[in-house]
Protein backbone atom coordinates (compact mmCIF):
# COMPACT_ATOMS: atom_id res chain seq x y z
CA MET A 1 -9.44 -16.09 -3.07
CA LEU A 2 -8.50 -17.44 0.36
CA GLY A 3 -4.83 -17.44 -0.64
CA SER A 4 -5.16 -13.85 -1.86
CA THR A 5 -6.83 -12.81 1.39
CA VAL A 6 -4.06 -14.40 3.48
CA GLY A 7 -1.44 -12.71 1.29
CA PHE A 8 -2.95 -9.25 1.77
CA GLY A 9 -3.47 -9.90 5.47
CA LEU A 10 0.16 -10.90 5.96
CA MET A 11 1.24 -7.84 3.96
CA ALA A 12 -0.63 -5.61 6.43
CA ILE A 13 1.09 -7.32 9.38
CA PHE A 14 4.53 -6.92 7.78
CA ILE A 15 3.78 -3.25 7.03
CA ARG A 16 3.12 -2.67 10.72
CA LEU A 17 6.36 -4.48 11.68
CA ALA A 18 8.48 -2.57 9.15
CA SER A 19 6.89 0.76 10.15
CA HIS A 20 8.36 0.41 13.64
CA SER A 21 11.75 1.42 12.25
CA LEU A 22 11.04 3.07 8.87
CA PRO A 23 8.84 5.96 7.65
CA THR A 24 5.65 5.19 5.73
CA TRP A 25 7.04 6.56 2.46
CA GLU A 26 10.05 4.26 2.59
CA VAL A 27 7.97 1.18 3.42
CA ALA A 28 5.75 2.01 0.41
CA PHE A 29 8.81 2.38 -1.84
CA PHE A 30 10.20 -1.02 -0.91
CA ARG A 31 6.74 -2.58 -1.28
CA ASN A 32 6.67 -1.29 -4.86
CA LEU A 33 10.30 -2.14 -5.64
CA PHE A 34 10.23 -5.72 -4.35
CA GLY A 35 6.70 -6.18 -5.68
CA PHE A 36 7.83 -5.10 -9.14
CA LEU A 37 10.91 -7.34 -9.07
CA SER A 38 8.80 -10.36 -8.08
CA LEU A 39 6.14 -9.53 -10.66
CA LEU A 40 8.43 -9.01 -13.66
CA PRO A 41 9.27 -12.71 -14.19
CA VAL A 42 5.55 -13.54 -14.16
CA LEU A 43 4.78 -10.85 -16.74
CA ALA A 44 7.81 -11.64 -18.91
CA TRP A 45 7.59 -15.45 -18.90
CA PRO A 46 5.07 -15.77 -21.79
CA ALA A 47 7.17 -13.42 -23.95
CA PHE A 48 10.38 -15.36 -23.38
CA LYS A 49 8.77 -18.40 -24.94
CA GLN A 50 8.73 -16.50 -28.26
CA SER A 51 11.54 -16.35 -30.83
CA ARG A 52 12.10 -12.65 -30.11
CA PRO A 53 11.41 -12.41 -26.38
CA LEU A 54 12.34 -8.76 -25.79
CA HIS A 55 10.27 -7.60 -28.74
CA ALA A 56 7.36 -9.78 -27.64
CA PHE A 57 7.53 -8.38 -24.09
CA ALA A 58 7.68 -4.79 -25.35
CA GLN A 59 4.63 -5.44 -27.49
CA SER A 60 2.75 -7.02 -24.58
CA VAL A 61 3.11 -3.89 -22.43
CA ARG A 62 2.76 -1.33 -25.20
CA THR A 63 0.19 1.37 -24.51
CA GLN A 64 -1.13 4.57 -26.06
CA GLN A 65 -2.57 5.78 -22.75
CA LEU A 66 0.65 6.67 -20.91
CA PRO A 67 -0.56 10.15 -19.74
CA ARG A 68 -3.57 8.50 -18.11
CA TYR A 69 -1.25 6.07 -16.32
CA PHE A 70 0.56 8.99 -14.69
CA ILE A 71 -2.75 10.24 -13.27
CA ARG A 72 -3.83 6.73 -12.18
CA THR A 73 -0.51 5.98 -10.48
CA ALA A 74 -0.30 9.42 -8.82
CA ILE A 75 -3.70 8.90 -7.18
CA GLY A 76 -2.77 5.32 -6.40
CA ILE A 77 0.46 6.26 -4.65
CA VAL A 78 -1.33 8.79 -2.42
CA SER A 79 -3.91 6.11 -1.60
CA MET A 80 -1.08 3.71 -0.75
CA PHE A 81 0.62 6.26 1.52
CA CYS A 82 -2.66 6.86 3.35
CA GLY A 83 -3.36 3.14 3.68
CA PHE A 84 0.15 2.33 4.90
CA TRP A 85 0.05 5.19 7.41
CA ALA A 86 -3.28 3.93 8.74
CA ILE A 87 -1.94 0.39 9.14
CA ALA A 88 1.15 1.72 10.92
CA ASN A 89 -0.65 4.09 13.29
CA LEU A 90 -4.21 2.82 13.84
CA PRO A 91 -5.32 -0.47 15.39
CA LEU A 92 -5.07 -3.06 12.63
CA ALA A 93 -8.72 -4.08 12.88
CA GLN A 94 -9.87 -0.48 12.53
CA ALA A 95 -7.55 0.29 9.60
CA ILE A 96 -8.55 -2.84 7.64
CA SER A 97 -12.27 -2.41 8.42
CA LEU A 98 -12.24 1.08 6.92
CA THR A 99 -10.47 -0.14 3.76
CA TYR A 100 -13.46 -2.42 3.11
CA SER A 101 -15.55 0.73 2.56
CA SER A 102 -13.86 1.24 -0.83
CA PRO A 103 -16.67 -0.49 -2.85
CA ILE A 104 -19.10 2.02 -1.34
CA PHE A 105 -17.10 4.89 -2.82
CA VAL A 106 -16.65 2.95 -6.09
CA THR A 107 -20.43 2.79 -6.47
CA ILE A 108 -20.70 6.57 -6.09
CA ALA A 109 -17.73 7.31 -8.37
CA ALA A 110 -19.13 5.00 -11.07
CA ILE A 111 -22.20 7.24 -11.35
CA PHE A 112 -20.18 10.36 -12.15
CA MET A 113 -17.21 8.86 -14.00
CA LEU A 114 -18.77 5.93 -15.85
CA GLY A 115 -22.39 7.06 -16.12
CA GLU A 116 -23.67 3.93 -14.37
CA ARG A 117 -27.21 3.84 -13.02
CA VAL A 118 -27.57 2.92 -9.36
CA ARG A 119 -31.02 1.99 -8.13
CA ALA A 120 -32.62 2.10 -4.71
CA ARG A 121 -31.28 -1.21 -3.37
CA ARG A 122 -27.65 -0.39 -4.03
CA TRP A 123 -28.16 3.15 -2.73
CA SER A 124 -29.49 1.61 0.47
CA ALA A 125 -26.34 -0.51 0.74
CA VAL A 126 -24.19 2.61 0.19
CA VAL A 127 -26.02 4.48 2.96
CA CYS A 128 -25.62 1.51 5.33
CA GLY A 129 -21.93 1.37 4.49
CA PHE A 130 -21.52 5.04 5.38
CA ILE A 131 -23.26 4.38 8.68
CA GLY A 132 -20.72 1.62 9.35
CA VAL A 133 -17.87 4.05 8.62
CA LEU A 134 -19.37 6.60 11.01
CA VAL A 135 -19.78 3.97 13.72
CA ILE A 136 -16.04 3.17 13.50
CA VAL A 137 -14.80 6.75 13.13
CA GLN A 138 -17.20 8.17 15.79
CA PRO A 139 -16.86 11.86 14.82
CA TRP A 140 -19.29 12.78 17.63
CA SER A 141 -17.26 11.33 20.51
CA HIS A 142 -13.98 11.79 22.34
CA ALA A 143 -12.74 8.59 20.66
CA PHE A 144 -12.58 10.41 17.30
CA SER A 145 -9.13 10.95 15.81
CA LEU A 146 -8.06 12.59 12.56
CA GLY A 147 -5.98 9.49 11.88
CA SER A 148 -9.11 7.48 11.15
CA LEU A 149 -9.93 9.93 8.34
CA VAL A 150 -6.62 9.00 6.70
CA ALA A 151 -7.90 5.41 6.38
CA VAL A 152 -11.17 6.71 4.92
CA ALA A 153 -9.19 8.84 2.45
CA ALA A 154 -7.26 5.73 1.40
CA ALA A 155 -10.55 3.94 0.66
CA MET A 156 -11.91 6.91 -1.31
CA LEU A 157 -8.76 7.26 -3.42
CA SER A 158 -8.68 3.49 -3.96
CA ALA A 159 -12.19 3.78 -5.37
CA LEU A 160 -11.01 6.38 -7.90
CA VAL A 161 -8.16 4.06 -8.87
CA ALA A 162 -10.62 1.19 -9.42
CA ILE A 163 -12.68 3.35 -11.78
CA GLN A 164 -9.58 4.42 -13.68
CA ILE A 165 -8.45 0.80 -14.04
CA LYS A 166 -11.85 -0.03 -15.49
CA GLN A 167 -11.43 2.80 -18.00
CA LEU A 168 -7.89 1.74 -18.93
CA SER A 169 -8.95 -1.90 -19.33
CA ARG A 170 -11.25 -0.94 -22.19
CA ILE A 171 -8.12 -0.64 -24.35
CA ASP A 172 -5.18 -2.21 -22.53
CA HIS A 173 -4.66 -5.76 -21.32
CA ALA A 174 -4.52 -6.43 -17.58
CA ASP A 175 -0.78 -7.23 -17.73
CA THR A 176 -0.11 -3.88 -19.42
CA ILE A 177 -1.97 -2.05 -16.66
CA VAL A 178 -0.07 -3.91 -13.94
CA PHE A 179 3.32 -3.32 -15.61
CA TRP A 180 2.93 0.43 -16.03
CA THR A 181 1.41 0.81 -12.59
CA TYR A 182 4.46 -0.70 -10.92
CA ALA A 183 6.95 0.87 -13.35
CA LEU A 184 5.66 4.33 -12.39
CA TRP A 185 5.01 3.56 -8.72
CA VAL A 186 8.66 2.75 -8.01
CA PRO A 187 10.12 6.18 -8.93
CA MET A 188 7.05 8.04 -7.62
CA SER A 189 7.38 6.44 -4.19
CA LEU A 190 11.17 6.84 -4.16
CA LEU A 191 11.09 10.65 -4.28
CA PRO A 192 9.26 11.23 -0.96
CA ALA A 193 11.15 8.32 0.62
CA LEU A 194 14.49 10.03 -0.08
CA LEU A 195 13.36 13.11 1.87
CA ASP A 196 13.08 11.06 5.07
CA TRP A 197 15.39 8.12 4.33
CA LYS A 198 16.51 5.72 7.02
CA ALA A 199 18.76 2.80 6.13
CA PRO A 200 16.97 -0.52 6.78
CA SER A 201 18.86 -3.05 8.84
CA GLY A 202 18.56 -6.57 10.22
CA ILE A 203 15.12 -8.15 10.34
CA THR A 204 13.56 -5.07 8.72
CA TRP A 205 14.88 -6.26 5.36
CA VAL A 206 12.87 -9.46 5.82
CA TRP A 207 9.70 -7.48 6.52
CA LEU A 208 10.24 -5.29 3.45
CA LEU A 209 10.87 -8.25 1.16
CA ALA A 210 7.82 -10.02 2.58
CA ILE A 211 5.64 -6.93 2.01
CA GLY A 212 6.52 -6.84 -1.69
CA LEU A 213 6.19 -10.58 -2.13
CA MET A 214 2.88 -10.92 -0.25
CA GLY A 215 1.41 -7.92 -2.06
CA THR A 216 2.28 -9.41 -5.45
CA VAL A 217 1.08 -12.91 -4.50
CA GLY A 218 -2.17 -11.47 -3.15
CA GLN A 219 -2.75 -9.44 -6.30
CA LEU A 220 -2.03 -12.33 -8.68
CA LEU A 221 -4.24 -14.76 -6.77
CA TRP A 222 -7.02 -12.17 -6.51
CA THR A 223 -6.98 -11.64 -10.30
CA ARG A 224 -6.98 -15.39 -10.87
CA ALA A 225 -9.87 -15.91 -8.45
CA LEU A 226 -12.02 -13.32 -10.21
CA LYS A 227 -11.43 -15.12 -13.51
CA LEU A 228 -12.55 -18.45 -12.05
CA GLY A 229 -15.41 -17.49 -9.76
CA ASP A 230 -18.33 -15.16 -9.18
CA VAL A 231 -17.57 -11.91 -7.38
CA SER A 232 -20.57 -12.29 -5.07
CA ALA A 233 -19.39 -15.75 -4.03
CA LEU A 234 -15.76 -14.73 -3.55
CA THR A 235 -16.31 -11.49 -1.63
CA PRO A 236 -17.26 -13.16 1.68
CA ILE A 237 -14.01 -15.15 1.56
CA SER A 238 -12.03 -11.91 1.36
CA PHE A 239 -13.63 -10.83 4.64
CA THR A 240 -11.54 -13.43 6.47
CA GLN A 241 -8.70 -10.91 6.26
CA LEU A 242 -10.32 -8.98 9.11
CA PRO A 243 -10.20 -11.74 11.76
CA LEU A 244 -6.67 -12.60 10.60
CA VAL A 245 -5.30 -9.09 11.18
CA THR A 246 -7.43 -8.67 14.33
CA PHE A 247 -5.84 -11.78 15.83
CA ALA A 248 -2.39 -10.60 14.75
CA GLY A 249 -3.04 -7.19 16.30
CA TRP A 250 -3.93 -8.85 19.60
CA LEU A 251 -1.08 -11.38 19.52
CA LEU A 252 1.76 -9.20 18.25
CA PHE A 253 0.82 -5.65 19.25
CA ASP A 254 -1.44 -6.17 22.28
CA GLU A 255 -4.39 -4.43 20.57
CA ARG A 256 -7.97 -4.69 21.78
CA VAL A 257 -10.93 -4.43 19.42
CA GLY A 258 -13.62 -2.00 20.56
CA THR A 259 -17.34 -2.61 20.21
CA ALA A 260 -17.66 0.30 17.75
CA THR A 261 -15.09 -1.27 15.42
CA LEU A 262 -16.84 -4.66 15.52
CA VAL A 263 -20.29 -3.20 14.87
CA GLY A 264 -19.08 -0.81 12.18
CA ALA A 265 -17.05 -3.52 10.46
CA GLY A 266 -20.11 -5.81 10.41
CA ILE A 267 -22.20 -3.09 8.77
CA ILE A 268 -19.50 -2.28 6.19
CA LEU A 269 -18.90 -5.93 5.31
CA THR A 270 -22.62 -6.57 4.91
CA SER A 271 -23.12 -3.57 2.63
CA THR A 272 -19.99 -4.43 0.63
CA PHE A 273 -21.19 -7.98 0.12
CA TYR A 274 -24.59 -6.77 -1.06
CA ILE A 275 -23.03 -4.31 -3.52
CA ALA A 276 -20.83 -7.09 -4.94
CA HIS A 277 -23.84 -9.40 -5.15
CA ARG A 278 -25.93 -6.82 -7.01
CA GLU A 279 -23.10 -6.07 -9.45
CA ALA A 280 -22.73 -9.78 -10.18
CA VAL A 281 -26.48 -10.17 -10.74
CA LEU A 282 -26.58 -7.16 -13.07
CA ALA A 283 -23.52 -8.40 -14.97
CA ARG A 284 -25.13 -11.82 -15.53
CA ARG A 285 -28.36 -10.15 -16.60
CA ALA A 286 -26.52 -7.93 -19.10
CA ALA A 287 -24.61 -10.91 -20.50
CA SER A 288 -27.81 -12.92 -20.86
CA GLN A 289 -29.50 -10.01 -22.63
CA ALA A 290 -26.55 -9.61 -24.99
CA VAL A 291 -26.71 -13.32 -25.93
CA SER A 292 -30.45 -13.06 -26.52
CA GLU A 293 -30.03 -10.05 -28.80
CA ALA A 294 -27.23 -11.75 -30.71
CA ASN A 295 -29.35 -14.90 -31.20
CA PRO A 296 -32.97 -13.87 -31.89
CA PRO A 297 -35.61 -16.63 -31.57
CA GLY A 298 -35.98 -18.73 -34.70
CA GLU A 299 -32.50 -18.12 -35.98
């Protein structure tokens, strides 16, 4: 999880660097293109061990839910545009802090889209998380900017994507979901990029390649970490991304972190950790109950 956190943190820093010379849409396109190119060998490697590698790979990514992937990727690409714009235009610490509010919106979306029951303790964490968002955004003060709402929108749309991935995973394998996500993201992000295209040059190519590579590495390590460990134990490790990008913002871009951002981030991280902890507890309880029902006493 630490490796994943560093990967995503470095990706955010490279996004800021690349955005100095390229529009958000174009940075997002290259993130998807280079991410897809670096991910394909990982996805295809198991298939190429078979006697008919191309057929095996086609079977491994086969899906009957393609229309749903178009919806999932369309929402995901808008979320990516919002997130990249926030990283490029807001202080890094503020942009990343607001992205950590996504689990708060996931909890709410799960009620309406998955029919999950949320009890008082998790509702309390959701309310606290919203307070943390308000502390950072400060809609009541002169420090408020519409740009901060773009970061909040990215978190909200990311929550919808998380719910859709959960729905897709009921039928499709994780590799299938990842393949079709990237396969559709590349052309979807290319279209708006072409409307405001600027030819990358020099060191910008390095930043773009690093964005795609770090995003893919972060995603693969994150998936692997969730398979090996408990979500509630791993979530605090992911919070180390915030001090990493805060330090980078200070060192590279001469950014200062305000008190409101620090306080709001602390509230959001605390509520996010509690939500992850409660979900892990409930998941273990459900698994234990399922085992008990499958193995009645005396049998």
